[in-house]
Amino acid sequence: MKDEIQPLFKQNYPDILNVWEASVLATHHFLSEQDIAFYKPLILNEYLQA
């Protein structure tokens, strides 16, 4: 099986954000819910578009 990098489309942003949040919740126990709530809109509206 060959892995292939797919282009990023805006309609996929919510799914990507869900993966990010699940990963953070599973691995970044030092972050508070407030920290995650702070970063979520930044990731969705700014960082993914960079």
PDB file of N, CA and C in Angstrom:
ATOM      1  N   MET A   1       0.841  -1.180   0.000  1.00  0.00           N
ATOM      2  CA  MET A   1       0.000   0.000   0.000  1.00  0.00           C
ATOM      3  C   MET A   1       0.885   1.242   0.000  1.00  0.00           C
ATOM      4  N   LYS A   2       0.562   2.169  -0.855  1.00  0.00           N
ATOM      5  CA  LYS A   2       1.327   3.399  -0.970  1.00  0.00           C
ATOM      6  C   LYS A   2       0.567   4.537  -0.291  1.00  0.00           C
ATOM      7  N   ASP A   3       1.242   5.216   0.643  1.00  0.00           N
ATOM      8  CA  ASP A   3       0.635   6.379   1.286  1.00  0.00           C
ATOM      9  C   ASP A   3       0.737   7.571   0.355  1.00  0.00           C
ATOM     10  N   GLU A   4      -0.288   8.371   0.378  1.00  0.00           N
ATOM     11  CA  GLU A   4      -0.313   9.532  -0.492  1.00  0.00           C
ATOM     12  C   GLU A   4      -0.822  10.733   0.296  1.00  0.00           C
ATOM     13  N   ILE A   5      -0.137  11.839   0.178  1.00  0.00           N
ATOM     14  CA  ILE A   5      -0.573  13.069   0.833  1.00  0.00           C
ATOM     15  C   ILE A   5      -1.677  13.689  -0.009  1.00  0.00           C
ATOM     16  N   GLN A   6      -2.784  13.966   0.647  1.00  0.00           N
ATOM     17  CA  GLN A   6      -3.933  14.553  -0.031  1.00  0.00           C
ATOM     18  C   GLN A   6      -3.960  16.059   0.209  1.00  0.00           C
ATOM     19  N   PRO A   7      -4.483  16.815  -0.747  1.00  0.00           N
ATOM     20  CA  PRO A   7      -4.610  18.258  -0.521  1.00  0.00           C
ATOM     21  C   PRO A   7      -5.614  18.546   0.595  1.00  0.00           C
ATOM     22  N   LEU A   8      -5.434  19.685   1.219  1.00  0.00           N
ATOM     23  CA  LEU A   8      -6.303  20.117   2.305  1.00  0.00           C
ATOM     24  C   LEU A   8      -7.399  21.006   1.735  1.00  0.00           C
ATOM     25  N   PHE A   9      -8.641  20.630   1.992  1.00  0.00           N
ATOM     26  CA  PHE A   9      -9.784  21.416   1.531  1.00  0.00           C
ATOM     27  C   PHE A   9     -10.542  21.960   2.728  1.00  0.00           C
ATOM     28  N   LYS A  10     -11.082  23.157   2.569  1.00  0.00           N
ATOM     29  CA  LYS A  10     -11.771  23.827   3.668  1.00  0.00           C
ATOM     30  C   LYS A  10     -12.926  22.988   4.223  1.00  0.00           C
ATOM     31  N   GLN A  11     -13.594  22.229   3.390  1.00  0.00           N
ATOM     32  CA  GLN A  11     -14.711  21.414   3.878  1.00  0.00           C
ATOM     33  C   GLN A  11     -14.239  20.301   4.816  1.00  0.00           C
ATOM     34  N   ASN A  12     -12.933  20.009   4.817  1.00  0.00           N
ATOM     35  CA  ASN A  12     -12.377  18.997   5.713  1.00  0.00           C
ATOM     36  C   ASN A  12     -11.926  19.573   7.053  1.00  0.00           C
ATOM     37  N   TYR A  13     -11.931  20.887   7.189  1.00  0.00           N
ATOM     38  CA  TYR A  13     -11.446  21.516   8.420  1.00  0.00           C
ATOM     39  C   TYR A  13     -12.138  20.994   9.678  1.00  0.00           C
ATOM     40  N   PRO A  14     -13.465  20.855   9.701  1.00  0.00           N
ATOM     41  CA  PRO A  14     -14.092  20.341  10.929  1.00  0.00           C
ATOM     42  C   PRO A  14     -13.609  18.934  11.307  1.00  0.00           C
ATOM     43  N   ASP A  15     -13.420  18.074  10.327  1.00  0.00           N
ATOM     44  CA  ASP A  15     -12.911  16.726  10.614  1.00  0.00           C
ATOM     45  C   ASP A  15     -11.484  16.781  11.145  1.00  0.00           C
ATOM     46  N   ILE A  16     -10.675  17.629  10.548  1.00  0.00           N
ATOM     47  CA  ILE A  16      -9.289  17.779  10.993  1.00  0.00           C
ATOM     48  C   ILE A  16      -9.257  18.328  12.417  1.00  0.00           C
ATOM     49  N   LEU A  17     -10.128  19.280  12.699  1.00  0.00           N
ATOM     50  CA  LEU A  17     -10.201  19.841  14.046  1.00  0.00           C
ATOM     51  C   LEU A  17     -10.618  18.774  15.053  1.00  0.00           C
ATOM     52  N   ASN A  18     -11.535  17.901  14.678  1.00  0.00           N
ATOM     53  CA  ASN A  18     -11.950  16.807  15.566  1.00  0.00           C
ATOM     54  C   ASN A  18     -10.793  15.857  15.859  1.00  0.00           C
ATOM     55  N   VAL A  19      -9.996  15.552  14.854  1.00  0.00           N
ATOM     56  CA  VAL A  19      -8.827  14.692  15.058  1.00  0.00           C
ATOM     57  C   VAL A  19      -7.827  15.393  15.974  1.00  0.00           C
ATOM     58  N   TRP A  20      -7.613  16.679  15.738  1.00  0.00           N
ATOM     59  CA  TRP A  20      -6.703  17.450  16.583  1.00  0.00           C
ATOM     60  C   TRP A  20      -7.164  17.416  18.037  1.00  0.00           C
ATOM     61  N   GLU A  21      -8.451  17.689  18.256  1.00  0.00           N
ATOM     62  CA  GLU A  21      -8.960  17.742  19.628  1.00  0.00           C
ATOM     63  C   GLU A  21      -8.852  16.382  20.317  1.00  0.00           C
ATOM     64  N   ALA A  22      -9.203  15.325  19.623  1.00  0.00           N
ATOM     65  CA  ALA A  22      -9.093  13.986  20.210  1.00  0.00           C
ATOM     66  C   ALA A  22      -7.643  13.660  20.556  1.00  0.00           C
ATOM     67  N   SER A  23      -6.729  14.048  19.690  1.00  0.00           N
ATOM     68  CA  SER A  23      -5.304  13.801  19.940  1.00  0.00           C
ATOM     69  C   SER A  23      -4.814  14.591  21.144  1.00  0.00           C
ATOM     70  N   VAL A  24      -5.217  15.844  21.210  1.00  0.00           N
ATOM     71  CA  VAL A  24      -4.802  16.693  22.330  1.00  0.00           C
ATOM     72  C   VAL A  24      -5.367  16.164  23.643  1.00  0.00           C
ATOM     73  N   LEU A  25      -6.630  15.791  23.641  1.00  0.00           N
ATOM     74  CA  LEU A  25      -7.241  15.270  24.868  1.00  0.00           C
ATOM     75  C   LEU A  25      -6.565  13.978  25.326  1.00  0.00           C
ATOM     76  N   ALA A  26      -6.091  13.182  24.384  1.00  0.00           N
ATOM     77  CA  ALA A  26      -5.458  11.906  24.724  1.00  0.00           C
ATOM     78  C   ALA A  26      -4.008  12.055  25.166  1.00  0.00           C
ATOM     79  N   THR A  27      -3.356  13.136  24.761  1.00  0.00           N
ATOM     80  CA  THR A  27      -1.909  13.212  24.990  1.00  0.00           C
ATOM     81  C   THR A  27      -1.429  14.445  25.745  1.00  0.00           C
ATOM     82  N   HIS A  28      -2.201  15.497  25.773  1.00  0.00           N
ATOM     83  CA  HIS A  28      -1.747  16.752  26.378  1.00  0.00           C
ATOM     84  C   HIS A  28      -2.531  17.026  27.661  1.00  0.00           C
ATOM     85  N   HIS A  29      -2.301  16.205  28.649  1.00  0.00           N
ATOM     86  CA  HIS A  29      -3.060  16.290  29.895  1.00  0.00           C
ATOM     87  C   HIS A  29      -2.778  17.570  30.676  1.00  0.00           C
ATOM     88  N   PHE A  30      -1.718  18.257  30.320  1.00  0.00           N
ATOM     89  CA  PHE A  30      -1.370  19.505  31.001  1.00  0.00           C
ATOM     90  C   PHE A  30      -2.204  20.685  30.507  1.00  0.00           C
ATOM     91  N   LEU A  31      -2.933  20.517  29.396  1.00  0.00           N
ATOM     92  CA  LEU A  31      -3.786  21.594  28.888  1.00  0.00           C
ATOM     93  C   LEU A  31      -5.158  21.524  29.544  1.00  0.00           C
ATOM     94  N   SER A  32      -5.674  22.681  29.893  1.00  0.00           N
ATOM     95  CA  SER A  32      -7.015  22.740  30.476  1.00  0.00           C
ATOM     96  C   SER A  32      -8.057  22.818  29.365  1.00  0.00           C
ATOM     97  N   GLU A  33      -9.306  22.630  29.744  1.00  0.00           N
ATOM     98  CA  GLU A  33     -10.404  22.785  28.781  1.00  0.00           C
ATOM     99  C   GLU A  33     -10.410  24.207  28.213  1.00  0.00           C
ATOM    100  N   GLN A  34     -10.050  25.173  29.051  1.00  0.00           N
ATOM    101  CA  GLN A  34      -9.986  26.564  28.598  1.00  0.00           C
ATOM    102  C   GLN A  34      -8.883  26.750  27.557  1.00  0.00           C
ATOM    103  N   ASP A  35      -7.758  26.076  27.751  1.00  0.00           N
ATOM    104  CA  ASP A  35      -6.674  26.144  26.768  1.00  0.00           C
ATOM    105  C   ASP A  35      -7.143  25.599  25.422  1.00  0.00           C
ATOM    106  N   ILE A  36      -7.789  24.457  25.460  1.00  0.00           N
ATOM    107  CA  ILE A  36      -8.265  23.833  24.227  1.00  0.00           C
ATOM    108  C   ILE A  36      -9.311  24.721  23.561  1.00  0.00           C
ATOM    109  N   ALA A  37     -10.213  25.278  24.355  1.00  0.00           N
ATOM    110  CA  ALA A  37     -11.234  26.180  23.813  1.00  0.00           C
ATOM    111  C   ALA A  37     -10.591  27.422  23.198  1.00  0.00           C
ATOM    112  N   PHE A  38      -9.480  27.866  23.751  1.00  0.00           N
ATOM    113  CA  PHE A  38      -8.763  29.012  23.205  1.00  0.00           C
ATOM    114  C   PHE A  38      -8.167  28.686  21.832  1.00  0.00           C
ATOM    115  N   TYR A  39      -7.564  27.510  21.708  1.00  0.00           N
ATOM    116  CA  TYR A  39      -6.872  27.153  20.471  1.00  0.00           C
ATOM    117  C   TYR A  39      -7.787  26.693  19.342  1.00  0.00           C
ATOM    118  N   LYS A  40      -8.927  26.108  19.674  1.00  0.00           N
ATOM    119  CA  LYS A  40      -9.806  25.561  18.629  1.00  0.00           C
ATOM    120  C   LYS A  40     -10.170  26.572  17.546  1.00  0.00           C
ATOM    121  N   PRO A  41     -10.662  27.762  17.879  1.00  0.00           N
ATOM    122  CA  PRO A  41     -10.992  28.702  16.799  1.00  0.00           C
ATOM    123  C   PRO A  41      -9.758  29.187  16.041  1.00  0.00           C
ATOM    124  N   LEU A  42      -8.633  29.275  16.726  1.00  0.00           N
ATOM    125  CA  LEU A  42      -7.405  29.676  16.030  1.00  0.00           C
ATOM    126  C   LEU A  42      -7.007  28.629  14.996  1.00  0.00           C
ATOM    127  N   ILE A  43      -7.090  27.375  15.376  1.00  0.00           N
ATOM    128  CA  ILE A  43      -6.743  26.300  14.448  1.00  0.00           C
ATOM    129  C   ILE A  43      -7.708  26.302  13.270  1.00  0.00           C
ATOM    130  N   LEU A  44      -8.992  26.382  13.565  1.00  0.00           N
ATOM    131  CA  LEU A  44     -10.007  26.319  12.517  1.00  0.00           C
ATOM    132  C   LEU A  44      -9.949  27.522  11.579  1.00  0.00           C
ATOM    133  N   ASN A  45      -9.784  28.707  12.124  1.00  0.00           N
ATOM    134  CA  ASN A  45      -9.923  29.926  11.326  1.00  0.00           C
ATOM    135  C   ASN A  45      -8.616  30.556  10.862  1.00  0.00           C
ATOM    136  N   GLU A  46      -7.501  30.151  11.452  1.00  0.00           N
ATOM    137  CA  GLU A  46      -6.231  30.771  11.074  1.00  0.00           C
ATOM    138  C   GLU A  46      -5.158  29.761  10.693  1.00  0.00           C
ATOM    139  N   TYR A  47      -4.859  28.826  11.588  1.00  0.00           N
ATOM    140  CA  TYR A  47      -3.706  27.953  11.383  1.00  0.00           C
ATOM    141  C   TYR A  47      -3.876  27.003  10.203  1.00  0.00           C
ATOM    142  N   LEU A  48      -5.067  26.459  10.009  1.00  0.00           N
ATOM    143  CA  LEU A  48      -5.259  25.536   8.891  1.00  0.00           C
ATOM    144  C   LEU A  48      -5.169  26.250   7.547  1.00  0.00           C
ATOM    145  N   GLN A  49      -5.410  27.536   7.547  1.00  0.00           N
ATOM    146  CA  GLN A  49      -5.362  28.299   6.301  1.00  0.00           C
ATOM    147  C   GLN A  49      -3.963  28.827   5.991  1.00  0.00           C
ATOM    148  N   ALA A  50      -3.043  28.646   6.918  1.00  0.00           N
ATOM    149  CA  ALA A  50      -1.687  29.179   6.721  1.00  0.00           C
ATOM    150  C   ALA A  50      -0.936  28.399   5.659  1.00  0.00           C
TER     151      ALA A  50
END
